[in-house]
């Protein structure tokens, strides 16, 4: 069995769910957290810069989201980076969530719920893959969610950039955007996403505000 993680390209999710029986787990995170993380990655030259992402956004809006294109298409160049990334969040998650909700082999996981109950949600993921969660996986989850230099050394992550490491307190990582993101950027993001079905998914479960 091959299991892999992909952090972009909703086209891949759509193809797998519509053309195969491959089980998919789709994780969605609070838009402000995602936008904040991308902007931090761009500042540190670890993520694609705004200009190429703008070109992708224009293309995807016109192709897949005509309603959003009608609202924002003529003023994309005037939007702030946080607003552009909020639109990215809407477009990418909208397409993936709609297809996941139509196909039983698509499991939607809310990131914030995963950080609250990592073992419980991980168990659901294993079950979705028709697998039994082994003790090694339980041990790894318990180990990786408690930031430890010893654990990082043992797993070969001691020299890894902290932006990418998996050895961290998930609740600290989850809430980091609340301290780093400006109030102005939060408002800009929420103005774009607050009335969307994509945002309602996490809000209705009590994990997003």
N, C-alpha and C. Protein backbone atom coordinates (compact mmCIF):
# COMPACT_ATOMS: atom_id res chain seq x y z
N UNK A 1 0.84 -1.20 0.00
CA UNK A 1 0.00 0.00 0.00
C UNK A 1 0.87 1.24 0.00
N UNK A 2 0.50 2.19 -0.82
CA UNK A 2 1.20 3.48 -0.88
C UNK A 2 0.30 4.56 -0.31
N UNK A 3 0.82 5.30 0.66
CA UNK A 3 0.10 6.44 1.24
C UNK A 3 0.99 7.67 1.04
N UNK A 4 0.43 8.75 0.48
CA UNK A 4 1.24 9.95 0.30
C UNK A 4 0.45 11.19 0.66
N UNK A 5 1.19 12.24 0.94
CA UNK A 5 0.60 13.52 1.32
C UNK A 5 0.83 14.53 0.21
N UNK A 6 -0.20 15.27 -0.14
CA UNK A 6 -0.10 16.32 -1.15
C UNK A 6 -0.73 17.59 -0.56
N UNK A 7 -0.02 18.71 -0.65
CA UNK A 7 -0.50 19.93 0.00
C UNK A 7 -1.07 20.95 -1.00
N UNK A 8 -1.26 20.52 -2.22
CA UNK A 8 -1.80 21.44 -3.23
C UNK A 8 -2.50 20.60 -4.29
N UNK A 9 -2.87 21.23 -5.39
CA UNK A 9 -3.43 20.55 -6.55
C UNK A 9 -4.74 19.81 -6.26
N UNK A 10 -5.84 20.51 -6.05
CA UNK A 10 -7.13 19.83 -5.86
C UNK A 10 -7.55 19.00 -7.06
N UNK A 11 -6.95 19.28 -8.24
CA UNK A 11 -7.25 18.46 -9.41
C UNK A 11 -6.98 16.99 -9.14
N UNK A 12 -5.94 16.72 -8.36
CA UNK A 12 -5.59 15.34 -8.04
C UNK A 12 -6.68 14.68 -7.20
N UNK A 13 -7.22 15.42 -6.24
CA UNK A 13 -8.31 14.91 -5.40
C UNK A 13 -9.52 14.58 -6.26
N UNK A 14 -9.87 15.49 -7.14
CA UNK A 14 -11.02 15.30 -8.01
C UNK A 14 -10.85 14.06 -8.89
N UNK A 15 -9.67 13.91 -9.49
CA UNK A 15 -9.43 12.77 -10.37
C UNK A 15 -9.51 11.45 -9.62
N UNK A 16 -8.87 11.39 -8.45
CA UNK A 16 -8.89 10.15 -7.68
C UNK A 16 -10.31 9.77 -7.27
N UNK A 17 -11.08 10.75 -6.84
CA UNK A 17 -12.42 10.44 -6.33
C UNK A 17 -13.42 10.14 -7.44
N UNK A 18 -13.22 10.71 -8.60
CA UNK A 18 -14.18 10.49 -9.68
C UNK A 18 -13.79 9.35 -10.61
N UNK A 19 -12.50 9.01 -10.66
CA UNK A 19 -12.05 8.03 -11.63
C UNK A 19 -11.48 6.75 -11.02
N UNK A 20 -11.33 6.71 -9.69
CA UNK A 20 -10.77 5.52 -9.04
C UNK A 20 -11.55 5.23 -7.77
N UNK A 21 -11.14 4.18 -7.09
CA UNK A 21 -11.71 3.85 -5.78
C UNK A 21 -10.69 4.09 -4.67
N UNK A 22 -9.68 4.88 -4.96
CA UNK A 22 -8.63 5.18 -3.98
C UNK A 22 -9.23 6.01 -2.84
N UNK A 23 -9.06 5.58 -1.58
CA UNK A 23 -9.57 6.36 -0.46
C UNK A 23 -8.74 7.64 -0.25
N UNK A 24 -9.43 8.72 -0.02
CA UNK A 24 -8.79 10.03 0.16
C UNK A 24 -9.17 10.60 1.52
N UNK A 25 -8.19 11.14 2.23
CA UNK A 25 -8.45 11.90 3.46
C UNK A 25 -8.10 13.34 3.15
N UNK A 26 -9.08 14.23 3.28
CA UNK A 26 -8.87 15.64 2.96
C UNK A 26 -8.91 16.44 4.26
N UNK A 27 -7.80 17.12 4.56
CA UNK A 27 -7.70 17.91 5.80
C UNK A 27 -7.89 19.38 5.45
N UNK A 28 -8.80 20.03 6.16
CA UNK A 28 -9.06 21.45 5.95
C UNK A 28 -8.79 22.20 7.25
N UNK A 29 -8.15 23.36 7.12
CA UNK A 29 -7.72 24.15 8.28
C UNK A 29 -8.32 25.55 8.20
N UNK A 30 -8.41 26.20 9.35
CA UNK A 30 -8.94 27.56 9.42
C UNK A 30 -8.24 28.44 8.38
N UNK A 31 -8.99 29.22 7.61
CA UNK A 31 -8.38 30.02 6.54
C UNK A 31 -7.33 31.00 7.03
N UNK A 32 -7.55 31.61 8.18
CA UNK A 32 -6.54 32.56 8.69
C UNK A 32 -5.23 31.84 8.99
N UNK A 33 -5.33 30.63 9.53
CA UNK A 33 -4.13 29.85 9.83
C UNK A 33 -3.37 29.52 8.56
N UNK A 34 -4.10 29.13 7.53
CA UNK A 34 -3.48 28.78 6.25
C UNK A 34 -2.82 29.99 5.62
N UNK A 35 -3.54 31.10 5.57
CA UNK A 35 -3.01 32.32 4.96
C UNK A 35 -1.78 32.80 5.72
N UNK A 36 -1.85 32.79 7.04
CA UNK A 36 -0.72 33.22 7.86
C UNK A 36 0.50 32.35 7.61
N UNK A 37 0.29 31.04 7.52
CA UNK A 37 1.40 30.11 7.30
C UNK A 37 2.03 30.34 5.93
N UNK A 38 1.22 30.55 4.92
CA UNK A 38 1.74 30.78 3.57
C UNK A 38 2.54 32.09 3.52
N UNK A 39 2.00 33.14 4.14
CA UNK A 39 2.70 34.42 4.13
C UNK A 39 4.02 34.33 4.89
N UNK A 40 4.03 33.59 5.98
CA UNK A 40 5.28 33.39 6.73
C UNK A 40 6.28 32.61 5.88
N UNK A 41 5.80 31.59 5.18
CA UNK A 41 6.68 30.82 4.30
C UNK A 41 7.24 31.66 3.17
N UNK A 42 6.42 32.57 2.64
CA UNK A 42 6.88 33.46 1.57
C UNK A 42 7.94 34.42 2.09
N UNK A 43 7.73 34.93 3.28
CA UNK A 43 8.70 35.86 3.87
C UNK A 43 10.05 35.19 4.07
N UNK A 44 10.03 33.88 4.34
CA UNK A 44 11.27 33.13 4.57
C UNK A 44 11.74 32.39 3.32
N UNK A 45 11.12 32.71 2.16
CA UNK A 45 11.49 32.09 0.88
C UNK A 45 11.35 30.57 0.90
N UNK A 46 10.32 30.08 1.61
CA UNK A 46 10.07 28.65 1.71
C UNK A 46 8.81 28.23 0.95
N UNK A 47 8.05 29.20 0.48
CA UNK A 47 6.82 28.93 -0.25
C UNK A 47 6.81 29.74 -1.54
N UNK A 48 6.02 29.30 -2.54
CA UNK A 48 5.93 30.06 -3.80
C UNK A 48 5.52 31.51 -3.54
N UNK A 49 6.11 32.43 -4.27
CA UNK A 49 5.87 33.85 -4.06
C UNK A 49 4.53 34.28 -4.66
N UNK A 50 4.02 35.46 -4.27
CA UNK A 50 2.67 35.90 -4.69
C UNK A 50 2.45 35.98 -6.20
N UNK A 51 3.47 36.40 -6.95
CA UNK A 51 3.25 36.62 -8.38
C UNK A 51 2.83 35.34 -9.12
N UNK A 52 3.58 34.24 -9.00
CA UNK A 52 3.13 33.02 -9.69
C UNK A 52 1.82 32.48 -9.15
N UNK A 53 1.59 32.66 -7.86
CA UNK A 53 0.32 32.19 -7.28
C UNK A 53 -0.85 33.01 -7.81
N UNK A 54 -0.62 34.28 -8.09
CA UNK A 54 -1.66 35.13 -8.66
C UNK A 54 -2.07 34.61 -10.03
N UNK A 55 -1.09 34.19 -10.83
CA UNK A 55 -1.39 33.66 -12.16
C UNK A 55 -2.23 32.41 -12.05
N UNK A 56 -1.91 31.54 -11.10
CA UNK A 56 -2.68 30.32 -10.88
C UNK A 56 -4.09 30.68 -10.43
N UNK A 57 -4.21 31.63 -9.53
CA UNK A 57 -5.51 32.03 -9.01
C UNK A 57 -6.41 32.54 -10.13
N UNK A 58 -5.88 33.38 -10.99
CA UNK A 58 -6.67 33.91 -12.10
C UNK A 58 -7.19 32.78 -12.98
N UNK A 59 -6.32 31.84 -13.28
CA UNK A 59 -6.70 30.74 -14.16
C UNK A 59 -7.77 29.85 -13.53
N UNK A 60 -7.57 29.52 -12.26
CA UNK A 60 -8.50 28.61 -11.58
C UNK A 60 -9.85 29.28 -11.34
N UNK A 61 -9.84 30.55 -11.00
CA UNK A 61 -11.10 31.29 -10.81
C UNK A 61 -11.93 31.26 -12.08
N UNK A 62 -11.31 31.59 -13.18
CA UNK A 62 -12.05 31.64 -14.44
C UNK A 62 -12.56 30.28 -14.88
N UNK A 63 -11.80 29.24 -14.56
CA UNK A 63 -12.15 27.90 -15.01
C UNK A 63 -13.18 27.21 -14.12
N UNK A 64 -13.05 27.40 -12.81
CA UNK A 64 -13.85 26.60 -11.87
C UNK A 64 -14.81 27.40 -10.98
N UNK A 65 -14.58 28.68 -10.83
CA UNK A 65 -15.40 29.46 -9.90
C UNK A 65 -15.92 30.73 -10.57
N UNK A 66 -16.86 30.61 -11.50
CA UNK A 66 -17.33 31.80 -12.23
C UNK A 66 -17.97 32.86 -11.32
N UNK A 67 -18.63 32.42 -10.25
CA UNK A 67 -19.26 33.41 -9.35
C UNK A 67 -18.20 34.25 -8.66
N UNK A 68 -17.16 33.59 -8.17
CA UNK A 68 -16.08 34.34 -7.52
C UNK A 68 -15.32 35.18 -8.55
N UNK A 69 -15.17 34.65 -9.74
CA UNK A 69 -14.47 35.39 -10.80
C UNK A 69 -15.23 36.67 -11.14
N UNK A 70 -16.55 36.59 -11.12
CA UNK A 70 -17.36 37.76 -11.43
C UNK A 70 -17.20 38.84 -10.36
N UNK A 71 -17.05 38.41 -9.11
CA UNK A 71 -16.92 39.36 -7.99
C UNK A 71 -15.52 39.95 -7.93
N UNK A 72 -14.50 39.07 -8.07
CA UNK A 72 -13.13 39.50 -7.80
C UNK A 72 -12.24 39.59 -9.04
N UNK A 73 -12.69 39.05 -10.16
CA UNK A 73 -11.82 38.95 -11.33
C UNK A 73 -11.19 40.25 -11.78
N UNK A 74 -11.97 41.32 -11.78
CA UNK A 74 -11.46 42.60 -12.28
C UNK A 74 -10.58 43.34 -11.28
N UNK A 75 -10.59 42.90 -10.04
CA UNK A 75 -9.82 43.63 -9.02
C UNK A 75 -8.79 42.77 -8.31
N UNK A 76 -8.45 41.62 -8.89
CA UNK A 76 -7.47 40.75 -8.26
C UNK A 76 -6.15 41.46 -8.00
N UNK A 77 -5.69 42.24 -8.97
CA UNK A 77 -4.40 42.91 -8.84
C UNK A 77 -4.39 43.95 -7.73
N UNK A 78 -5.57 44.37 -7.29
CA UNK A 78 -5.64 45.39 -6.23
C UNK A 78 -5.81 44.77 -4.85
N UNK A 79 -5.99 43.46 -4.79
CA UNK A 79 -6.16 42.80 -3.50
C UNK A 79 -4.82 42.66 -2.78
N UNK A 80 -4.88 42.65 -1.46
CA UNK A 80 -3.67 42.38 -0.68
C UNK A 80 -3.31 40.90 -0.81
N UNK A 81 -2.11 40.54 -0.39
CA UNK A 81 -1.69 39.14 -0.45
C UNK A 81 -2.61 38.27 0.41
N UNK A 82 -3.01 38.78 1.57
CA UNK A 82 -3.88 38.00 2.45
C UNK A 82 -5.24 37.75 1.79
N UNK A 83 -5.74 38.73 1.05
CA UNK A 83 -7.01 38.56 0.35
C UNK A 83 -6.88 37.57 -0.81
N UNK A 84 -5.77 37.67 -1.53
CA UNK A 84 -5.53 36.72 -2.63
C UNK A 84 -5.45 35.29 -2.08
N UNK A 85 -4.75 35.13 -0.96
CA UNK A 85 -4.61 33.79 -0.39
C UNK A 85 -5.93 33.29 0.19
N UNK A 86 -6.76 34.19 0.66
CA UNK A 86 -8.09 33.79 1.13
C UNK A 86 -8.92 33.24 -0.03
N UNK A 87 -8.78 33.85 -1.19
CA UNK A 87 -9.46 33.35 -2.38
C UNK A 87 -8.90 31.99 -2.80
N UNK A 88 -7.59 31.84 -2.71
CA UNK A 88 -6.98 30.53 -2.96
C UNK A 88 -7.61 29.48 -2.06
N UNK A 89 -7.74 29.81 -0.78
CA UNK A 89 -8.31 28.88 0.21
C UNK A 89 -9.73 28.49 -0.20
N UNK A 90 -10.52 29.47 -0.61
CA UNK A 90 -11.90 29.20 -1.02
C UNK A 90 -11.96 28.31 -2.25
N UNK A 91 -11.17 28.65 -3.25
CA UNK A 91 -11.22 27.92 -4.51
C UNK A 91 -10.75 26.47 -4.33
N UNK A 92 -9.61 26.29 -3.68
CA UNK A 92 -9.05 24.95 -3.53
C UNK A 92 -9.92 24.08 -2.65
N UNK A 93 -10.33 24.61 -1.51
CA UNK A 93 -11.15 23.81 -0.60
C UNK A 93 -12.55 23.58 -1.14
N UNK A 94 -13.08 24.58 -1.84
CA UNK A 94 -14.42 24.43 -2.39
C UNK A 94 -14.52 23.26 -3.34
N UNK A 95 -13.59 23.18 -4.27
CA UNK A 95 -13.61 22.08 -5.24
C UNK A 95 -13.41 20.73 -4.56
N UNK A 96 -12.45 20.66 -3.65
CA UNK A 96 -12.15 19.38 -3.00
C UNK A 96 -13.28 18.93 -2.09
N UNK A 97 -13.84 19.85 -1.32
CA UNK A 97 -14.90 19.48 -0.39
C UNK A 97 -16.16 19.02 -1.11
N UNK A 98 -16.50 19.72 -2.18
CA UNK A 98 -17.70 19.33 -2.93
C UNK A 98 -17.59 17.91 -3.45
N UNK A 99 -16.43 17.55 -3.94
CA UNK A 99 -16.26 16.21 -4.49
C UNK A 99 -16.16 15.17 -3.39
N UNK A 100 -15.52 15.52 -2.27
CA UNK A 100 -15.44 14.59 -1.13
C UNK A 100 -16.82 14.26 -0.57
N UNK A 101 -17.69 15.26 -0.54
CA UNK A 101 -19.03 15.05 0.01
C UNK A 101 -19.90 14.18 -0.89
N UNK A 102 -19.50 14.01 -2.14
CA UNK A 102 -20.27 13.19 -3.08
C UNK A 102 -19.79 11.75 -3.15
N UNK A 103 -18.59 11.49 -2.64
CA UNK A 103 -18.00 10.16 -2.78
C UNK A 103 -17.62 9.60 -1.41
N UNK A 104 -18.06 8.39 -1.15
CA UNK A 104 -17.84 7.79 0.18
C UNK A 104 -16.37 7.53 0.48
N UNK A 105 -15.53 7.43 -0.56
CA UNK A 105 -14.11 7.19 -0.28
C UNK A 105 -13.36 8.47 0.07
N UNK A 106 -14.09 9.59 0.18
CA UNK A 106 -13.49 10.84 0.62
C UNK A 106 -13.85 11.14 2.07
N UNK A 107 -12.87 11.22 2.93
CA UNK A 107 -13.07 11.54 4.35
C UNK A 107 -12.56 12.94 4.63
N UNK A 108 -13.42 13.80 5.15
CA UNK A 108 -13.04 15.17 5.48
C UNK A 108 -12.64 15.25 6.95
N UNK A 109 -11.46 15.78 7.21
CA UNK A 109 -10.96 15.95 8.57
C UNK A 109 -10.67 17.43 8.81
N UNK A 110 -11.15 17.95 9.91
CA UNK A 110 -10.86 19.34 10.28
C UNK A 110 -9.57 19.34 11.10
N UNK A 111 -8.61 20.11 10.66
CA UNK A 111 -7.29 20.14 11.28
C UNK A 111 -7.36 20.43 12.78
N UNK A 112 -8.17 21.41 13.14
CA UNK A 112 -8.27 21.79 14.55
C UNK A 112 -8.82 20.65 15.41
N UNK A 113 -9.71 19.87 14.85
CA UNK A 113 -10.23 18.70 15.56
C UNK A 113 -9.14 17.64 15.71
N UNK A 114 -8.31 17.50 14.69
CA UNK A 114 -7.20 16.56 14.76
C UNK A 114 -6.21 16.94 15.86
N UNK A 115 -5.96 18.23 16.02
CA UNK A 115 -5.03 18.65 17.06
C UNK A 115 -5.61 18.45 18.46
N UNK A 116 -6.92 18.51 18.58
CA UNK A 116 -7.57 18.30 19.88
C UNK A 116 -7.58 16.82 20.26
N UNK A 117 -7.83 15.96 19.28
CA UNK A 117 -7.96 14.53 19.57
C UNK A 117 -7.17 13.73 18.53
N UNK A 118 -5.84 13.85 18.55
CA UNK A 118 -5.03 13.23 17.50
C UNK A 118 -5.19 11.71 17.40
N UNK A 119 -5.23 11.02 18.50
CA UNK A 119 -5.34 9.56 18.44
C UNK A 119 -6.71 9.13 17.91
N UNK A 120 -7.75 9.80 18.39
CA UNK A 120 -9.11 9.45 17.96
C UNK A 120 -9.30 9.70 16.47
N UNK A 121 -8.85 10.85 15.98
CA UNK A 121 -9.03 11.17 14.58
C UNK A 121 -8.10 10.30 13.71
N UNK A 122 -6.90 10.04 14.20
CA UNK A 122 -6.00 9.15 13.46
C UNK A 122 -6.61 7.77 13.31
N UNK A 123 -7.30 7.31 14.35
CA UNK A 123 -7.97 6.01 14.27
C UNK A 123 -9.02 6.01 13.16
N UNK A 124 -9.75 7.11 13.02
CA UNK A 124 -10.75 7.21 11.94
C UNK A 124 -10.07 7.16 10.57
N UNK A 125 -8.91 7.78 10.48
CA UNK A 125 -8.17 7.78 9.21
C UNK A 125 -7.73 6.36 8.86
N UNK A 126 -7.19 5.65 9.84
CA UNK A 126 -6.78 4.26 9.59
C UNK A 126 -7.97 3.41 9.18
N UNK A 127 -9.08 3.59 9.84
CA UNK A 127 -10.28 2.83 9.50
C UNK A 127 -10.73 3.15 8.07
N UNK A 128 -10.61 4.43 7.68
CA UNK A 128 -11.00 4.83 6.34
C UNK A 128 -10.15 4.11 5.29
N UNK A 129 -8.89 3.86 5.64
CA UNK A 129 -7.99 3.12 4.74
C UNK A 129 -8.12 1.61 4.92
N UNK A 130 -9.08 1.22 5.74
CA UNK A 130 -9.29 -0.21 6.02
C UNK A 130 -8.04 -0.84 6.66
N UNK A 131 -7.44 -0.08 7.57
CA UNK A 131 -6.24 -0.52 8.27
C UNK A 131 -6.48 -0.50 9.77
N UNK A 132 -5.74 -1.33 10.47
CA UNK A 132 -5.72 -1.30 11.93
C UNK A 132 -4.53 -0.45 12.37
N UNK A 133 -4.75 0.47 13.29
CA UNK A 133 -3.65 1.34 13.71
C UNK A 133 -2.71 0.56 14.63
N UNK A 134 -1.45 0.38 14.22
CA UNK A 134 -0.51 -0.39 15.04
C UNK A 134 0.03 0.43 16.21
N UNK A 135 0.61 -0.28 17.15
CA UNK A 135 1.17 0.38 18.33
C UNK A 135 2.28 1.36 17.95
N UNK A 136 3.02 1.05 16.86
CA UNK A 136 4.09 1.95 16.42
C UNK A 136 3.53 3.31 16.03
N UNK A 137 2.37 3.32 15.40
CA UNK A 137 1.75 4.59 15.00
C UNK A 137 1.24 5.36 16.21
N UNK A 138 0.67 4.64 17.15
CA UNK A 138 0.22 5.28 18.40
C UNK A 138 1.40 5.93 19.09
N UNK A 139 2.51 5.19 19.18
CA UNK A 139 3.71 5.71 19.85
C UNK A 139 4.26 6.93 19.12
N UNK A 140 4.25 6.88 17.77
CA UNK A 140 4.76 8.01 17.00
C UNK A 140 3.91 9.26 17.21
N UNK A 141 2.59 9.10 17.22
CA UNK A 141 1.71 10.25 17.43
C UNK A 141 1.95 10.86 18.80
N UNK A 142 2.05 10.01 19.80
CA UNK A 142 2.28 10.51 21.16
C UNK A 142 3.63 11.19 21.27
N UNK A 143 4.62 10.65 20.55
CA UNK A 143 5.98 11.20 20.59
C UNK A 143 6.08 12.50 19.82
N UNK A 144 5.48 12.56 18.64
CA UNK A 144 5.64 13.72 17.76
C UNK A 144 4.82 14.92 18.21
N UNK A 145 3.81 14.70 19.03
CA UNK A 145 2.98 15.82 19.49
C UNK A 145 3.53 16.46 20.77
N UNK A 146 4.64 15.94 21.25
CA UNK A 146 5.31 16.53 22.41
C UNK A 146 6.71 16.92 21.96
N UNK A 147 6.93 18.21 21.79
CA UNK A 147 8.19 18.69 21.24
C UNK A 147 9.35 18.23 22.12
N UNK A 148 10.27 17.47 21.50
CA UNK A 148 11.37 16.89 22.24
C UNK A 148 12.59 16.79 21.33
N UNK A 149 13.72 17.32 21.80
CA UNK A 149 14.95 17.23 21.03
C UNK A 149 15.38 15.78 20.85
N UNK A 150 15.18 14.98 21.89
CA UNK A 150 15.54 13.57 21.82
C UNK A 150 14.77 12.86 20.71
N UNK A 151 13.46 13.13 20.64
CA UNK A 151 12.62 12.52 19.61
C UNK A 151 13.05 12.97 18.21
N UNK A 152 13.33 14.27 18.07
CA UNK A 152 13.73 14.80 16.78
C UNK A 152 15.04 14.18 16.31
N UNK A 153 15.97 13.98 17.23
CA UNK A 153 17.25 13.35 16.90
C UNK A 153 17.03 11.92 16.46
N UNK A 154 16.22 11.20 17.24
CA UNK A 154 15.96 9.80 16.94
C UNK A 154 15.31 9.63 15.57
N UNK A 155 14.45 10.56 15.18
CA UNK A 155 13.73 10.47 13.92
C UNK A 155 14.43 11.18 12.76
N UNK A 156 15.63 11.73 13.04
CA UNK A 156 16.40 12.34 11.96
C UNK A 156 15.94 13.73 11.58
N UNK A 157 15.29 14.46 12.49
CA UNK A 157 14.79 15.80 12.16
C UNK A 157 15.52 16.90 12.90
N UNK A 158 16.65 16.58 13.49
CA UNK A 158 17.32 17.56 14.34
C UNK A 158 17.77 18.79 13.56
N UNK A 159 18.18 18.64 12.30
CA UNK A 159 18.64 19.78 11.51
C UNK A 159 17.60 20.29 10.52
N UNK A 160 16.38 19.82 10.66
CA UNK A 160 15.32 20.22 9.73
C UNK A 160 14.81 21.63 10.06
N UNK A 161 14.47 22.38 9.03
CA UNK A 161 13.86 23.69 9.23
C UNK A 161 12.57 23.53 10.04
N UNK A 162 12.42 24.33 11.07
CA UNK A 162 11.26 24.20 11.96
C UNK A 162 9.93 24.45 11.26
N UNK A 163 9.98 25.08 10.11
CA UNK A 163 8.75 25.31 9.34
C UNK A 163 8.15 23.99 8.87
N UNK A 164 9.00 22.98 8.68
CA UNK A 164 8.55 21.71 8.11
C UNK A 164 8.50 20.55 9.11
N UNK A 165 9.13 20.67 10.25
CA UNK A 165 9.21 19.54 11.17
C UNK A 165 7.84 19.09 11.67
N UNK A 166 7.71 17.79 11.94
CA UNK A 166 6.45 17.27 12.49
C UNK A 166 6.51 17.15 14.00
N UNK A 167 7.68 17.37 14.59
CA UNK A 167 7.81 17.26 16.04
C UNK A 167 7.52 18.62 16.68
N UNK A 168 6.29 18.79 17.07
CA UNK A 168 5.86 20.06 17.65
C UNK A 168 4.56 19.85 18.42
N UNK A 169 4.27 20.77 19.33
CA UNK A 169 2.99 20.74 20.02
C UNK A 169 1.92 21.20 19.03
N UNK A 170 0.99 20.32 18.62
CA UNK A 170 0.04 20.71 17.57
C UNK A 170 -0.86 21.88 17.95
N UNK A 171 -1.15 22.03 19.25
CA UNK A 171 -2.02 23.13 19.65
C UNK A 171 -1.29 24.47 19.56
N UNK A 172 0.02 24.44 19.82
CA UNK A 172 0.80 25.67 19.67
C UNK A 172 0.87 26.06 18.20
N UNK A 173 1.15 25.07 17.34
CA UNK A 173 1.20 25.34 15.91
C UNK A 173 -0.16 25.79 15.39
N UNK A 174 -1.21 25.15 15.88
CA UNK A 174 -2.58 25.47 15.45
C UNK A 174 -2.91 26.93 15.70
N UNK A 175 -2.50 27.47 16.85
CA UNK A 175 -2.93 28.81 17.27
C UNK A 175 -1.88 29.88 17.00
N UNK A 176 -0.80 29.52 16.37
CA UNK A 176 0.29 30.48 16.15
C UNK A 176 -0.19 31.70 15.37
N UNK A 177 -1.08 31.48 14.41
CA UNK A 177 -1.54 32.59 13.57
C UNK A 177 -2.22 33.68 14.39
N UNK A 178 -2.82 33.31 15.53
CA UNK A 178 -3.54 34.28 16.34
C UNK A 178 -2.61 35.33 16.94
N UNK A 179 -1.35 34.98 17.08
CA UNK A 179 -0.36 35.92 17.60
C UNK A 179 0.39 36.62 16.47
N UNK A 180 0.59 35.91 15.35
CA UNK A 180 1.42 36.46 14.27
C UNK A 180 0.65 37.31 13.26
N UNK A 181 -0.61 36.98 13.05
CA UNK A 181 -1.37 37.63 11.98
C UNK A 181 -1.95 38.96 12.46
N UNK A 182 -1.81 39.98 11.66
CA UNK A 182 -2.33 41.29 12.04
C UNK A 182 -3.86 41.28 12.04
N UNK A 183 -4.43 42.15 12.82
CA UNK A 183 -5.89 42.27 12.88
C UNK A 183 -6.45 42.63 11.51
N UNK A 184 -5.73 43.49 10.80
CA UNK A 184 -6.18 43.93 9.48
C UNK A 184 -6.26 42.74 8.51
N UNK A 185 -5.23 41.88 8.54
CA UNK A 185 -5.24 40.72 7.64
C UNK A 185 -6.33 39.73 8.03
N UNK A 186 -6.56 39.56 9.32
CA UNK A 186 -7.65 38.67 9.75
C UNK A 186 -8.99 39.14 9.20
N UNK A 187 -9.22 40.44 9.31
CA UNK A 187 -10.48 41.02 8.83
C UNK A 187 -10.61 40.83 7.32
N UNK A 188 -9.52 41.04 6.59
CA UNK A 188 -9.55 40.89 5.13
C UNK A 188 -9.89 39.46 4.74
N UNK A 189 -9.27 38.50 5.40
CA UNK A 189 -9.52 37.09 5.10
C UNK A 189 -10.97 36.73 5.41
N UNK A 190 -11.43 37.13 6.59
CA UNK A 190 -12.77 36.75 7.01
C UNK A 190 -13.85 37.39 6.16
N UNK A 191 -13.61 38.58 5.66
CA UNK A 191 -14.58 39.23 4.77
C UNK A 191 -14.83 38.39 3.52
N UNK A 192 -13.81 37.69 3.08
CA UNK A 192 -13.93 36.88 1.86
C UNK A 192 -14.55 35.51 2.15
N UNK A 193 -14.23 34.90 3.28
CA UNK A 193 -14.63 33.50 3.51
C UNK A 193 -15.82 33.31 4.43
N UNK A 194 -16.20 34.31 5.21
CA UNK A 194 -17.12 34.11 6.33
C UNK A 194 -18.49 33.55 5.93
N UNK A 195 -18.98 33.86 4.75
CA UNK A 195 -20.32 33.41 4.35
C UNK A 195 -20.28 32.18 3.44
N UNK A 196 -19.14 31.57 3.32
CA UNK A 196 -18.99 30.45 2.40
C UNK A 196 -19.33 29.11 3.06
N UNK A 197 -19.79 28.13 2.28
CA UNK A 197 -20.02 26.78 2.81
C UNK A 197 -18.74 26.17 3.33
N UNK A 198 -17.61 26.53 2.73
CA UNK A 198 -16.33 25.98 3.15
C UNK A 198 -16.01 26.41 4.59
N UNK A 199 -16.26 27.67 4.91
CA UNK A 199 -15.99 28.13 6.27
C UNK A 199 -17.03 27.59 7.24
N UNK A 200 -18.25 27.46 6.79
CA UNK A 200 -19.32 26.94 7.65
C UNK A 200 -19.03 25.53 8.15
N UNK A 201 -18.31 24.75 7.35
CA UNK A 201 -18.00 23.37 7.72
C UNK A 201 -17.29 23.31 9.07
N UNK A 202 -16.27 24.15 9.25
CA UNK A 202 -15.54 24.15 10.52
C UNK A 202 -16.26 24.95 11.59
N UNK A 203 -16.92 26.02 11.20
CA UNK A 203 -17.62 26.86 12.16
C UNK A 203 -18.77 26.12 12.83
N UNK A 204 -19.51 25.36 12.03
CA UNK A 204 -20.67 24.63 12.57
C UNK A 204 -20.27 23.52 13.54
N UNK A 205 -19.05 23.02 13.39
CA UNK A 205 -18.56 22.00 14.31
C UNK A 205 -17.91 22.62 15.55
N UNK A 206 -17.89 23.95 15.59
CA UNK A 206 -17.40 24.64 16.78
C UNK A 206 -15.90 24.83 16.85
N UNK A 207 -15.19 24.63 15.74
CA UNK A 207 -13.73 24.74 15.78
C UNK A 207 -13.23 26.05 15.22
N UNK A 208 -14.05 26.77 14.44
CA UNK A 208 -13.62 28.02 13.84
C UNK A 208 -14.53 29.15 14.29
N UNK A 209 -13.94 30.32 14.47
CA UNK A 209 -14.72 31.51 14.79
C UNK A 209 -14.24 32.63 13.87
